[in-house]
C-alpha atoms as a PDB file:
ATOM      1  CA  MET A   1      -2.203  -7.285  21.091  1.00  0.00           C
ATOM      2  CA  ALA A   2      -3.710  -3.871  20.308  1.00  0.00           C
ATOM      3  CA  LYS A   3      -3.269  -2.608  16.764  1.00  0.00           C
ATOM      4  CA  LYS A   4      -1.292   0.635  16.594  1.00  0.00           C
ATOM      5  CA  VAL A   5      -2.588   3.418  14.335  1.00  0.00           C
ATOM      6  CA  LEU A   6      -1.032   6.809  13.565  1.00  0.00           C
ATOM      7  CA  VAL A   7      -3.610   9.476  12.664  1.00  0.00           C
ATOM      8  CA  VAL A   8      -2.220  12.566  10.916  1.00  0.00           C
ATOM      9  CA  ASP A   9      -4.379  15.629  10.244  1.00  0.00           C
ATOM     10  CA  ASP A  10      -4.046  19.308  11.134  1.00  0.00           C
ATOM     11  CA  GLU A  11      -7.778  19.506  11.927  1.00  0.00           C
ATOM     12  CA  LYS A  12      -7.802  18.590  15.601  1.00  0.00           C
ATOM     13  CA  LEU A  13     -11.531  17.861  15.741  1.00  0.00           C
ATOM     14  CA  ILE A  14     -11.177  15.265  12.973  1.00  0.00           C
ATOM     15  CA  VAL A  15      -8.233  13.658  14.774  1.00  0.00           C
ATOM     16  CA  LYS A  16     -10.144  13.640  18.064  1.00  0.00           C
ATOM     17  CA  GLY A  17     -13.160  11.959  16.442  1.00  0.00           C
ATOM     18  CA  ILE A  18     -11.105   9.278  14.699  1.00  0.00           C
ATOM     19  CA  ARG A  19      -9.046   8.640  17.815  1.00  0.00           C
ATOM     20  CA  PHE A  20     -12.091   8.222  20.038  1.00  0.00           C
ATOM     21  CA  SER A  21     -13.781   5.858  17.590  1.00  0.00           C
ATOM     22  CA  LEU A  22     -10.693   3.661  17.036  1.00  0.00           C
ATOM     23  CA  GLU A  23      -9.923   3.508  20.758  1.00  0.00           C
ATOM     24  CA  GLN A  24     -13.488   2.287  21.320  1.00  0.00           C
ATOM     25  CA  ASP A  25     -12.509  -0.693  19.152  1.00  0.00           C
ATOM     26  CA  GLY A  26      -9.431  -1.385  21.279  1.00  0.00           C
ATOM     27  CA  MET A  27      -6.836   0.177  18.996  1.00  0.00           C
ATOM     28  CA  GLU A  28      -3.856   2.162  20.264  1.00  0.00           C
ATOM     29  CA  VAL A  29      -3.905   5.581  18.563  1.00  0.00           C
ATOM     30  CA  THR A  30      -1.056   8.081  18.204  1.00  0.00           C
ATOM     31  CA  CYS A  31      -1.792  11.525  16.762  1.00  0.00           C
ATOM     32  CA  ALA A  32       0.229  14.020  14.731  1.00  0.00           C
ATOM     33  CA  TYR A  33      -0.781  17.435  13.402  1.00  0.00           C
ATOM     34  CA  ASP A  34       1.920  18.232  10.852  1.00  0.00           C
ATOM     35  CA  GLY A  35       4.046  16.336   8.359  1.00  0.00           C
ATOM     36  CA  GLU A  36       7.367  16.568  10.190  1.00  0.00           C
ATOM     37  CA  GLU A  37       5.875  15.198  13.410  1.00  0.00           C
ATOM     38  CA  ALA A  38       4.231  12.368  11.451  1.00  0.00           C
ATOM     39  CA  LEU A  39       7.513  11.382   9.799  1.00  0.00           C
ATOM     40  CA  ARG A  40       9.395  11.447  13.109  1.00  0.00           C
ATOM     41  CA  LEU A  41       6.782   9.214  14.764  1.00  0.00           C
ATOM     42  CA  ALA A  42       6.845   6.785  11.820  1.00  0.00           C
ATOM     43  CA  GLN A  43      10.645   6.573  12.090  1.00  0.00           C
ATOM     44  CA  GLU A  44      10.524   5.904  15.823  1.00  0.00           C
ATOM     45  CA  ASN A  45       7.584   3.466  15.956  1.00  0.00           C
ATOM     46  CA  LYS A  46       6.104   0.518  14.087  1.00  0.00           C
ATOM     47  CA  PHE A  47       2.457   1.172  13.265  1.00  0.00           C
ATOM     48  CA  ASP A  48      -0.077  -1.273  11.857  1.00  0.00           C
ATOM     49  CA  MET A  49      -1.676   1.578   9.904  1.00  0.00           C
ATOM     50  CA  ILE A  50      -1.144   5.262   9.122  1.00  0.00           C
ATOM     51  CA  LEU A  51      -4.089   7.530   8.263  1.00  0.00           C
ATOM     52  CA  LEU A  52      -2.434  10.452   6.499  1.00  0.00           C
ATOM     53  CA  ASP A  53      -4.086  13.687   5.381  1.00  0.00           C
ATOM     54  CA  ILE A  54      -2.693  15.339   2.245  1.00  0.00           C
ATOM     55  CA  MET A  55      -2.933  19.003   3.265  1.00  0.00           C
ATOM     56  CA  LEU A  56      -0.528  19.329   6.200  1.00  0.00           C
ATOM     57  CA  PRO A  57       1.776  22.042   7.576  1.00  0.00           C
ATOM     58  CA  LYS A  58       5.588  21.741   7.185  1.00  0.00           C
ATOM     59  CA  MET A  59       5.452  18.672   4.891  1.00  0.00           C
ATOM     60  CA  ASP A  60       2.416  17.628   2.860  1.00  0.00           C
ATOM     61  CA  GLY A  61       1.054  14.102   2.924  1.00  0.00           C
ATOM     62  CA  PHE A  62       2.677  13.160  -0.380  1.00  0.00           C
ATOM     63  CA  GLU A  63       6.139  14.110   0.930  1.00  0.00           C
ATOM     64  CA  VAL A  64       5.546  12.221   4.177  1.00  0.00           C
ATOM     65  CA  CYS A  65       4.322   9.132   2.328  1.00  0.00           C
ATOM     66  CA  GLN A  66       7.310   9.172  -0.017  1.00  0.00           C
ATOM     67  CA  ALA A  67       9.745   9.600   2.891  1.00  0.00           C
ATOM     68  CA  ILE A  68       8.172   6.744   4.881  1.00  0.00           C
ATOM     69  CA  ARG A  69       8.395   4.459   1.851  1.00  0.00           C
ATOM     70  CA  GLU A  70      12.179   4.829   1.943  1.00  0.00           C
ATOM     71  CA  PHE A  71      12.339   2.837   5.180  1.00  0.00           C
ATOM     72  CA  SER A  72       8.994   1.112   5.771  1.00  0.00           C
ATOM     73  CA  ASN A  73       6.151  -0.743   4.051  1.00  0.00           C
ATOM     74  CA  MET A  74       3.606  -0.143   6.835  1.00  0.00           C
ATOM     75  CA  PRO A  75       0.123   0.396   5.309  1.00  0.00           C
ATOM     76  CA  ILE A  76      -0.660   4.048   4.524  1.00  0.00           C
ATOM     77  CA  VAL A  77      -4.168   5.335   3.776  1.00  0.00           C
ATOM     78  CA  MET A  78      -4.375   8.870   2.389  1.00  0.00           C
ATOM     79  CA  LEU A  79      -7.228  11.195   3.345  1.00  0.00           C
ATOM     80  CA  THR A  80      -8.189  13.133   0.197  1.00  0.00           C
ATOM     81  CA  ALA A  81     -10.693  15.816  -0.752  1.00  0.00           C
ATOM     82  CA  LYS A  82     -13.940  14.373  -2.063  1.00  0.00           C
ATOM     83  CA  GLY A  83     -13.917  13.856  -5.811  1.00  0.00           C
ATOM     84  CA  ASP A  84     -10.308  14.934  -6.292  1.00  0.00           C
ATOM     85  CA  ASP A  85      -9.126  12.056  -8.486  1.00  0.00           C
ATOM     86  CA  MET A  86      -5.671  13.560  -9.029  1.00  0.00           C
ATOM     87  CA  ASP A  87      -4.960  13.461  -5.287  1.00  0.00           C
ATOM     88  CA  LYS A  88      -5.973   9.789  -5.185  1.00  0.00           C
ATOM     89  CA  ILE A  89      -3.725   8.893  -8.118  1.00  0.00           C
ATOM     90  CA  LEU A  90      -0.805  10.925  -6.743  1.00  0.00           C
ATOM     91  CA  GLY A  91      -1.212   9.272  -3.355  1.00  0.00           C
ATOM     92  CA  LEU A  92      -0.880   5.846  -4.977  1.00  0.00           C
ATOM     93  CA  GLU A  93       2.092   7.056  -7.019  1.00  0.00           C
ATOM     94  CA  TYR A  94       3.880   8.118  -3.832  1.00  0.00           C
ATOM     95  CA  GLY A  95       3.341   4.703  -2.259  1.00  0.00           C
ATOM     96  CA  ALA A  96      -0.027   4.833  -0.452  1.00  0.00           C
ATOM     97  CA  ASP A  97      -1.972   1.580  -0.195  1.00  0.00           C
ATOM     98  CA  ASP A  98      -5.442   3.122  -0.249  1.00  0.00           C
ATOM     99  CA  TYR A  99      -7.364   6.365   0.112  1.00  0.00           C
ATOM    100  CA  ILE A 100     -10.497   7.617   1.872  1.00  0.00           C
ATOM    101  CA  THR A 101     -12.329  10.717   0.692  1.00  0.00           C
ATOM    102  CA  LYS A 102     -13.460  13.559   2.939  1.00  0.00           C
ATOM    103  CA  PRO A 103     -16.002  14.094   4.330  1.00  0.00           C
ATOM    104  CA  PHE A 104     -16.175  10.498   5.480  1.00  0.00           C
ATOM    105  CA  ASN A 105     -18.359   8.328   7.653  1.00  0.00           C
ATOM    106  CA  ILE A 106     -16.343   7.099  10.637  1.00  0.00           C
ATOM    107  CA  LEU A 107     -17.961   3.655  10.294  1.00  0.00           C
ATOM    108  CA  GLU A 108     -16.606   3.445   6.747  1.00  0.00           C
ATOM    109  CA  VAL A 109     -13.145   4.490   7.973  1.00  0.00           C
ATOM    110  CA  LYS A 110     -13.181   1.771  10.632  1.00  0.00           C
ATOM    111  CA  ALA A 111     -14.394  -0.847   8.161  1.00  0.00           C
ATOM    112  CA  ARG A 112     -11.673   0.070   5.641  1.00  0.00           C
ATOM    113  CA  ILE A 113      -8.949   0.046   8.324  1.00  0.00           C
ATOM    114  CA  LYS A 114     -10.031  -3.379   9.552  1.00  0.00           C
ATOM    115  CA  ALA A 115     -10.209  -4.735   5.996  1.00  0.00           C
ATOM    116  CA  ILE A 116      -6.658  -3.584   5.243  1.00  0.00           C
ATOM    117  CA  MET A 117      -5.396  -4.961   8.551  1.00  0.00           C
ATOM    118  CA  ARG A 118      -7.042  -8.319   7.784  1.00  0.00           C
ATOM    119  CA  ARG A 119      -5.401  -8.444   4.352  1.00  0.00           C
ATOM    120  CA  THR A 120      -2.038  -7.424   5.826  1.00  0.00           C
ATOM    121  CA  ALA A 121      -2.302 -10.100   8.529  1.00  0.00           C
ATOM    122  CA  ALA A 122      -3.308 -12.704   5.948  1.00  0.00           C
ATOM    123  CA  SER A 123      -0.263 -11.886   3.843  1.00  0.00           C
ATOM    124  CA  GLU A 124       2.167 -12.052   6.758  1.00  0.00           C
ATOM    125  CA  PRO A 125       4.441 -15.084   6.523  1.00  0.00           C
ATOM    126  CA  LYS A 126       3.618 -18.225   8.479  1.00  0.00           C
ATOM    127  CA  GLU A 127       6.514 -20.472   9.263  1.00  0.00           C
ATOM    128  CA  GLU A 128       4.909 -23.636   7.969  1.00  0.00           C
ATOM    129  CA  ASN A 129       4.186 -21.988   4.607  1.00  0.00           C
ATOM    130  CA  SER A 130       7.604 -20.442   4.130  1.00  0.00           C
ATOM    131  CA  LYS A 131       8.887 -20.600   0.585  1.00  0.00           C
ATOM    132  CA  VAL A 132      11.279 -18.983  -1.805  1.00  0.00           C
ATOM    133  CA  ILE A 133      10.292 -18.519  -5.446  1.00  0.00           C
ATOM    134  CA  GLU A 134      13.120 -18.219  -7.952  1.00  0.00           C
ATOM    135  CA  SER A 135      12.289 -17.302 -11.523  1.00  0.00           C
ATOM    136  CA  GLY A 136      15.090 -16.211 -13.803  1.00  0.00           C
ATOM    137  CA  ASP A 137      16.773 -13.182 -12.240  1.00  0.00           C
ATOM    138  CA  LEU A 138      14.020 -12.798  -9.621  1.00  0.00           C
ATOM    139  CA  LYS A 139      14.033 -14.312  -6.163  1.00  0.00           C
ATOM    140  CA  LEU A 140      10.998 -13.798  -3.915  1.00  0.00           C
ATOM    141  CA  ASP A 141      11.323 -14.783  -0.273  1.00  0.00           C
ATOM    142  CA  CYS A 142       7.669 -15.150   0.673  1.00  0.00           C
ATOM    143  CA  GLU A 143       8.451 -15.643   4.368  1.00  0.00           C
ATOM    144  CA  SER A 144      10.352 -12.386   4.834  1.00  0.00           C
ATOM    145  CA  ARG A 145       8.480 -10.749   1.908  1.00  0.00           C
ATOM    146  CA  ARG A 146      11.748  -9.642   0.289  1.00  0.00           C
ATOM    147  CA  LEU A 147      12.572  -9.398  -3.400  1.00  0.00           C
ATOM    148  CA  PHE A 148      15.992  -9.764  -4.999  1.00  0.00           C
ATOM    149  CA  VAL A 149      16.724  -8.985  -8.643  1.00  0.00           C
ATOM    150  CA  GLN A 150      20.112 -10.270  -9.837  1.00  0.00           C
ATOM    151  CA  GLY A 151      21.107 -10.562  -6.177  1.00  0.00           C
ATOM    152  CA  ARG A 152      20.197  -6.953  -5.350  1.00  0.00           C
ATOM    153  CA  GLU A 153      17.381  -6.378  -2.870  1.00  0.00           C
ATOM    154  CA  ILE A 154      14.490  -4.232  -4.125  1.00  0.00           C
ATOM    155  CA  ASN A 155      12.243  -2.501  -1.591  1.00  0.00           C
ATOM    156  CA  LEU A 156       8.565  -3.063  -2.449  1.00  0.00           C
ATOM    157  CA  THR A 157       5.416  -1.856  -0.735  1.00  0.00           C
ATOM    158  CA  ALA A 158       3.015  -4.500   0.594  1.00  0.00           C
ATOM    159  CA  LYS A 159       0.712  -4.203  -2.404  1.00  0.00           C
ATOM    160  CA  GLU A 160       3.582  -4.208  -4.917  1.00  0.00           C
ATOM    161  CA  PHE A 161       4.864  -7.449  -3.375  1.00  0.00           C
ATOM    162  CA  ASP A 162       1.384  -9.012  -3.361  1.00  0.00           C
ATOM    163  CA  LEU A 163       0.906  -8.102  -7.015  1.00  0.00           C
ATOM    164  CA  LEU A 164       4.281  -9.457  -8.128  1.00  0.00           C
ATOM    165  CA  GLU A 165       3.934 -12.616  -6.037  1.00  0.00           C
ATOM    166  CA  LEU A 166       0.575 -13.429  -7.658  1.00  0.00           C
ATOM    167  CA  LEU A 167       1.945 -12.905 -11.172  1.00  0.00           C
ATOM    168  CA  VAL A 168       5.209 -14.821 -10.577  1.00  0.00           C
ATOM    169  CA  MET A 169       3.360 -17.778  -9.042  1.00  0.00           C
ATOM    170  CA  ASN A 170       1.192 -17.960 -12.159  1.00  0.00           C
ATOM    171  CA  PRO A 171       3.615 -17.356 -15.038  1.00  0.00           C
ATOM    172  CA  ASN A 172       2.167 -16.503 -18.464  1.00  0.00           C
ATOM    173  CA  LYS A 173      -1.363 -16.330 -17.027  1.00  0.00           C
ATOM    174  CA  VAL A 174      -3.000 -13.073 -18.120  1.00  0.00           C
ATOM    175  CA  TYR A 175      -4.997 -11.290 -15.409  1.00  0.00           C
ATOM    176  CA  SER A 176      -7.432  -8.536 -16.243  1.00  0.00           C
ATOM    177  CA  ARG A 177      -7.086  -5.297 -14.279  1.00  0.00           C
ATOM    178  CA  GLU A 178     -10.468  -5.992 -12.637  1.00  0.00           C
ATOM    179  CA  ASN A 179      -9.318  -9.475 -11.621  1.00  0.00           C
ATOM    180  CA  LEU A 180      -6.081  -8.136 -10.122  1.00  0.00           C
ATOM    181  CA  LEU A 181      -8.005  -5.449  -8.241  1.00  0.00           C
ATOM    182  CA  ASN A 182     -10.237  -8.118  -6.678  1.00  0.00           C
ATOM    183  CA  LEU A 183      -7.461 -10.608  -5.920  1.00  0.00           C
ATOM    184  CA  VAL A 184      -4.863  -8.194  -4.539  1.00  0.00           C
ATOM    185  CA  TRP A 185      -6.985  -5.416  -3.026  1.00  0.00           C
ATOM    186  CA  GLY A 186     -10.103  -7.424  -2.190  1.00  0.00           C
ATOM    187  CA  TYR A 187     -13.653  -7.452  -3.463  1.00  0.00           C
ATOM    188  CA  GLU A 188     -14.732  -4.773  -0.981  1.00  0.00           C
ATOM    189  CA  TYR A 189     -12.095  -2.328  -2.248  1.00  0.00           C
ATOM    190  CA  PRO A 190     -13.930   0.763  -3.616  1.00  0.00           C
ATOM    191  CA  GLY A 191     -11.127   1.989  -5.901  1.00  0.00           C
ATOM    192  CA  ASP A 192     -10.974   1.525  -9.664  1.00  0.00           C
ATOM    193  CA  VAL A 193      -8.614  -0.220 -12.090  1.00  0.00           C
ATOM    194  CA  ARG A 194      -6.325   2.815 -12.296  1.00  0.00           C
ATOM    195  CA  THR A 195      -5.013   1.622  -8.930  1.00  0.00           C
ATOM    196  CA  VAL A 196      -3.668  -1.491 -10.687  1.00  0.00           C
ATOM    197  CA  ASP A 197      -2.089   0.549 -13.491  1.00  0.00           C
ATOM    198  CA  VAL A 198      -0.309   2.820 -11.005  1.00  0.00           C
ATOM    199  CA  HIS A 199       1.080  -0.128  -9.038  1.00  0.00           C
ATOM    200  CA  VAL A 200       2.224  -1.960 -12.176  1.00  0.00           C
ATOM    201  CA  ARG A 201       4.006   1.193 -13.338  1.00  0.00           C
ATOM    202  CA  ARG A 202       5.700   1.637  -9.937  1.00  0.00           C
ATOM    203  CA  LEU A 203       6.645  -2.036  -9.883  1.00  0.00           C
ATOM    204  CA  ARG A 204       8.208  -1.833 -13.343  1.00  0.00           C
ATOM    205  CA  GLU A 205      10.198   1.250 -12.365  1.00  0.00           C
ATOM    206  CA  LYS A 206      11.704  -0.750  -9.499  1.00  0.00           C
ATOM    207  CA  ILE A 207      12.396  -4.143 -11.101  1.00  0.00           C
ATOM    208  CA  GLU A 208      12.700  -3.640 -14.855  1.00  0.00           C
ATOM    209  CA  PRO A 209      16.052  -2.766 -16.487  1.00  0.00           C
ATOM    210  CA  ASN A 210      14.016  -0.684 -18.961  1.00  0.00           C
ATOM    211  CA  PRO A 211      10.437  -0.035 -17.738  1.00  0.00           C
ATOM    212  CA  SER A 212       9.289   0.988 -21.232  1.00  0.00           C
ATOM    213  CA  GLU A 213      10.368  -2.436 -22.543  1.00  0.00           C
ATOM    214  CA  PRO A 214       9.467  -4.743 -19.641  1.00  0.00           C
ATOM    215  CA  LYS A 215      11.289  -8.020 -19.174  1.00  0.00           C
ATOM    216  CA  TYR A 216       9.144  -9.419 -16.364  1.00  0.00           C
ATOM    217  CA  VAL A 217       5.685  -7.823 -16.075  1.00  0.00           C
ATOM    218  CA  HIS A 218       4.112  -7.601 -19.523  1.00  0.00           C
ATOM    219  CA  THR A 219       0.935  -6.038 -20.871  1.00  0.00           C
ATOM    220  CA  LYS A 220      -1.502  -8.039 -22.988  1.00  0.00           C
ATOM    221  CA  TRP A 221      -3.144  -5.162 -24.804  1.00  0.00           C
ATOM    222  CA  GLY A 222      -6.872  -4.988 -24.249  1.00  0.00           C
ATOM    223  CA  VAL A 223      -6.734  -7.806 -21.698  1.00  0.00           C
ATOM    224  CA  GLY A 224      -4.421  -7.172 -18.730  1.00  0.00           C
ATOM    225  CA  TYR A 225      -1.023  -8.066 -17.276  1.00  0.00           C
ATOM    226  CA  PHE A 226       1.097 -11.201 -16.977  1.00  0.00           C
ATOM    227  CA  TYR A 227       4.520 -12.377 -15.802  1.00  0.00           C
ATOM    228  CA  GLN A 228       6.804 -13.972 -18.355  1.00  0.00           C
ATOM    229  CA  LYS A 229       9.426 -16.466 -17.153  1.00  0.00           C
END
Protein backbone atom coordinates (compact mmCIF):
# COMPACT_ATOMS: atom_id res chain seq x y z
CA MET A 1 0.00 0.00 0.00
CA ALA A 2 1.46 3.36 -1.07
CA LYS A 3 2.66 5.63 1.70
CA LYS A 4 0.78 8.94 1.81
CA VAL A 5 2.80 12.14 2.25
CA LEU A 6 1.57 15.73 2.62
CA VAL A 7 4.07 18.32 1.36
CA VAL A 8 3.46 21.89 2.55
CA ASP A 9 5.47 24.82 1.18
CA ASP A 10 4.50 28.09 -0.49
CA GLU A 11 7.38 27.74 -2.97
CA LYS A 12 5.72 25.79 -5.76
CA LEU A 13 8.98 24.74 -7.42
CA ILE A 14 10.16 23.11 -4.19
CA VAL A 15 6.83 21.30 -3.82
CA LYS A 16 6.95 20.16 -7.45
CA GLY A 17 10.48 18.78 -7.02
CA ILE A 18 9.69 16.91 -3.81
CA ARG A 19 6.45 15.56 -5.24
CA PHE A 20 8.10 14.26 -8.40
CA SER A 21 10.91 12.58 -6.46
CA LEU A 22 8.61 10.91 -3.89
CA GLU A 23 6.18 9.74 -6.57
CA GLN A 24 9.13 8.11 -8.36
CA ASP A 25 9.51 5.99 -5.21
CA GLY A 26 5.84 4.96 -5.32
CA MET A 27 4.54 7.34 -2.66
CA GLU A 28 1.19 9.10 -2.90
CA VAL A 29 1.80 12.85 -2.52
CA THR A 30 -0.70 15.58 -1.62
CA CYS A 31 0.39 19.22 -1.79
CA ALA A 32 -0.60 22.36 0.11
CA TYR A 33 0.68 25.92 -0.28
CA ASP A 34 -0.53 27.65 2.88
CA GLY A 35 -1.08 26.75 6.51
CA GLU A 36 -4.88 26.71 6.49
CA GLU A 37 -5.01 24.34 3.52
CA ALA A 38 -2.44 22.08 5.21
CA LEU A 39 -4.46 21.90 8.42
CA ARG A 40 -7.69 21.15 6.55
CA LEU A 41 -6.03 18.32 4.60
CA ALA A 42 -4.52 16.87 7.79
CA GLN A 43 -7.97 16.91 9.43
CA GLU A 44 -9.58 15.16 6.47
CA ASN A 45 -6.90 12.56 5.69
CA LYS A 46 -4.51 10.18 7.42
CA PHE A 47 -0.96 10.74 6.19
CA ASP A 48 2.10 8.61 6.88
CA MET A 49 4.23 11.77 6.91
CA ILE A 50 3.88 15.55 6.71
CA LEU A 51 6.71 17.71 5.36
CA LEU A 52 5.90 21.15 6.74
CA ASP A 53 7.65 24.42 5.93
CA ILE A 54 7.80 27.03 8.70
CA MET A 55 7.27 30.20 6.65
CA LEU A 56 3.75 29.85 5.26
CA PRO A 57 0.89 32.23 4.40
CA LYS A 58 -2.25 32.37 6.61
CA MET A 59 -0.83 30.11 9.36
CA ASP A 60 2.87 29.46 9.92
CA GLY A 61 4.28 25.97 10.27
CA PHE A 62 4.49 26.17 14.06
CA GLU A 63 0.76 26.98 14.33
CA VAL A 64 -0.13 24.18 11.91
CA CYS A 65 2.04 21.68 13.79
CA GLN A 66 0.53 22.65 17.13
CA ALA A 67 -3.02 22.41 15.74
CA ILE A 68 -2.39 18.98 14.19
CA ARG A 69 -0.99 17.71 17.49
CA GLU A 70 -4.38 18.35 19.09
CA PHE A 71 -5.91 15.51 17.07
CA SER A 72 -3.14 13.42 15.51
CA ASN A 73 0.30 11.92 16.15
CA MET A 74 1.17 11.46 12.46
CA PRO A 75 4.91 12.14 11.92
CA ILE A 76 5.72 15.78 11.12
CA VAL A 77 9.06 16.93 9.70
CA MET A 78 9.66 20.69 9.70
CA LEU A 79 11.55 22.39 6.87
CA THR A 80 13.75 25.07 8.46
CA ALA A 81 16.21 27.70 7.27
CA LYS A 82 19.78 26.44 7.25
CA GLY A 83 21.58 27.05 10.53
CA ASP A 84 18.56 28.52 12.31
CA ASP A 85 18.77 26.52 15.54
CA MET A 86 15.89 28.40 17.18
CA ASP A 87 13.50 27.26 14.44
CA LYS A 88 14.59 23.65 14.96
CA ILE A 89 14.07 23.84 18.73
CA LEU A 90 10.72 25.62 18.36
CA GLY A 91 9.58 23.02 15.85
CA LEU A 92 10.30 20.26 18.37
CA GLU A 93 8.57 22.26 21.11
CA TYR A 94 5.42 22.48 18.99
CA GLY A 95 5.38 18.72 18.44
CA ALA A 96 7.47 18.04 15.31
CA ASP A 97 9.28 14.70 15.15
CA ASP A 98 12.25 15.90 13.10
CA TYR A 99 13.54 18.72 10.93
CA ILE A 100 15.36 19.14 7.62
CA THR A 101 17.32 22.28 6.81
CA LYS A 102 17.04 24.24 3.57
CA PRO A 103 18.58 24.13 1.05
CA PHE A 104 18.43 20.35 1.08
CA ASN A 105 19.47 17.47 -1.11
CA ILE A 106 16.37 15.59 -2.27
CA LEU A 107 18.19 12.27 -1.73
CA GLU A 108 18.70 13.23 1.92
CA VAL A 109 15.01 14.15 2.23
CA LYS A 110 13.97 10.78 0.81
CA ALA A 111 16.39 8.91 3.07
CA ARG A 112 15.13 10.75 6.17
CA ILE A 113 11.47 10.16 5.24
CA LYS A 114 12.07 6.45 4.72
CA ALA A 115 14.01 6.19 7.99
CA ILE A 116 11.17 7.80 9.95
CA MET A 117 8.59 5.62 8.21
CA ARG A 118 10.63 2.51 9.07
CA ARG A 119 10.83 3.54 12.73
CA THR A 120 7.11 4.36 12.79
CA ALA A 121 6.24 0.99 11.22
CA ALA A 122 8.53 -0.81 13.66
CA SER A 123 6.80 0.84 16.60
CA GLU A 124 3.30 0.02 15.38
CA PRO A 125 1.62 -2.61 17.54
CA LYS A 126 1.64 -6.24 16.46
CA GLU A 127 -1.12 -8.37 17.85
CA GLU A 128 1.12 -11.14 19.10
CA ASN A 129 3.24 -8.64 21.06
CA SER A 130 0.36 -6.74 22.61
CA LYS A 131 0.92 -5.75 26.21
CA VAL A 132 -0.15 -3.31 28.84
CA ILE A 133 2.41 -1.88 31.26
CA GLU A 134 1.09 -0.63 34.59
CA SER A 135 3.45 1.22 36.89
CA GLY A 136 2.00 3.17 39.78
CA ASP A 137 -0.43 5.73 38.38
CA LEU A 138 0.72 5.10 34.79
CA LYS A 139 -0.83 2.65 32.37
CA LEU A 140 0.73 2.22 28.92
CA ASP A 141 -1.21 0.25 26.35
CA CYS A 142 1.57 -0.68 23.94
CA GLU A 143 -0.83 -2.17 21.39
CA SER A 144 -2.95 0.95 20.94
CA ARG A 145 -0.03 3.21 22.00
CA ARG A 146 -2.21 5.01 24.55
CA LEU A 147 -1.20 6.40 27.93
CA PHE A 148 -3.41 6.80 30.98
CA VAL A 149 -2.38 8.67 34.12
CA GLN A 150 -4.70 8.08 37.10
CA GLY A 151 -7.29 6.81 34.61
CA ARG A 152 -7.13 9.93 32.43
CA GLU A 153 -5.88 9.52 28.87
CA ILE A 154 -2.90 11.69 27.91
CA ASN A 155 -2.25 12.41 24.23
CA LEU A 156 1.43 11.82 23.37
CA THR A 157 3.29 12.20 20.10
CA ALA A 158 4.95 9.10 18.65
CA LYS A 159 8.38 10.07 19.96
CA GLU A 160 7.05 11.04 23.41
CA PHE A 161 5.42 7.60 23.69
CA ASP A 162 8.57 5.82 22.50
CA LEU A 163 10.66 7.72 25.04
CA LEU A 164 8.33 7.04 27.96
CA GLU A 165 7.86 3.38 27.00
CA LEU A 166 11.63 2.81 27.00
CA LEU A 167 12.06 4.45 30.41
CA VAL A 168 9.04 2.72 32.02
CA MET A 169 10.14 -0.70 30.75
CA ASN A 170 13.54 -0.14 32.37
CA PRO A 171 12.74 1.48 35.72
CA ASN A 172 15.57 3.18 37.63
CA LYS A 173 17.98 2.63 34.72
CA VAL A 174 19.71 5.92 33.89
CA TYR A 175 20.05 6.65 30.16
CA SER A 176 22.39 9.32 28.89
CA ARG A 177 20.93 11.86 26.46
CA GLU A 178 23.17 10.43 23.71
CA ASN A 179 21.92 6.91 24.44
CA LEU A 180 18.27 8.02 24.33
CA LEU A 181 18.88 9.86 21.06
CA ASN A 182 20.28 6.68 19.50
CA LEU A 183 17.66 4.32 20.92
CA VAL A 184 14.56 6.43 20.29
CA TRP A 185 15.51 8.45 17.21
CA GLY A 186 17.99 6.04 15.63
CA TYR A 187 21.71 6.09 15.02
CA GLU A 188 21.29 7.82 11.66
CA TYR A 189 19.41 10.74 13.23
CA PRO A 190 21.46 13.93 12.58
CA GLY A 191 19.99 16.00 15.44
CA ASP A 192 21.68 16.68 18.77
CA VAL A 193 20.88 15.92 22.42
CA ARG A 194 18.76 19.06 22.77
CA THR A 195 16.09 17.05 20.95
CA VAL A 196 15.96 14.71 23.97
CA ASP A 197 15.76 17.61 26.43
CA VAL A 198 12.87 19.19 24.54
CA HIS A 199 10.92 15.92 24.44
CA VAL A 200 11.53 15.19 28.12
CA ARG A 201 10.30 18.68 28.99
CA ARG A 202 7.17 18.25 26.84
CA LEU A 203 6.57 14.81 28.33
CA ARG A 204 6.82 16.15 31.88
CA GLU A 205 4.40 18.97 31.09
CA LYS A 206 1.86 16.35 30.02
CA ILE A 207 2.25 13.64 32.68
CA GLU A 208 3.72 15.25 35.79
CA PRO A 209 1.50 16.84 38.47
CA ASN A 210 4.31 19.38 38.95
CA PRO A 211 6.83 19.34 36.05
CA SER A 212 9.42 21.24 38.10
CA GLU A 213 9.34 18.45 40.72
CA PRO A 214 8.91 15.33 38.57
CA LYS A 215 7.32 12.22 40.01
CA TYR A 216 7.96 9.89 37.08
CA VAL A 217 10.75 11.04 34.73
CA HIS A 218 13.75 12.13 36.79
CA THR A 219 17.07 13.75 35.94
CA LYS A 220 20.35 12.26 37.14
CA TRP A 221 22.45 15.40 37.02
CA GLY A 222 25.45 15.09 34.75
CA VAL A 223 24.31 11.67 33.53
CA GLY A 224 20.83 11.60 31.97
CA TYR A 225 17.22 10.60 32.63
CA PHE A 226 15.44 7.70 34.32
CA TYR A 227 11.96 6.52 35.31
CA GLN A 228 11.28 5.94 38.98
CA LYS A 229 8.58 3.43 39.96
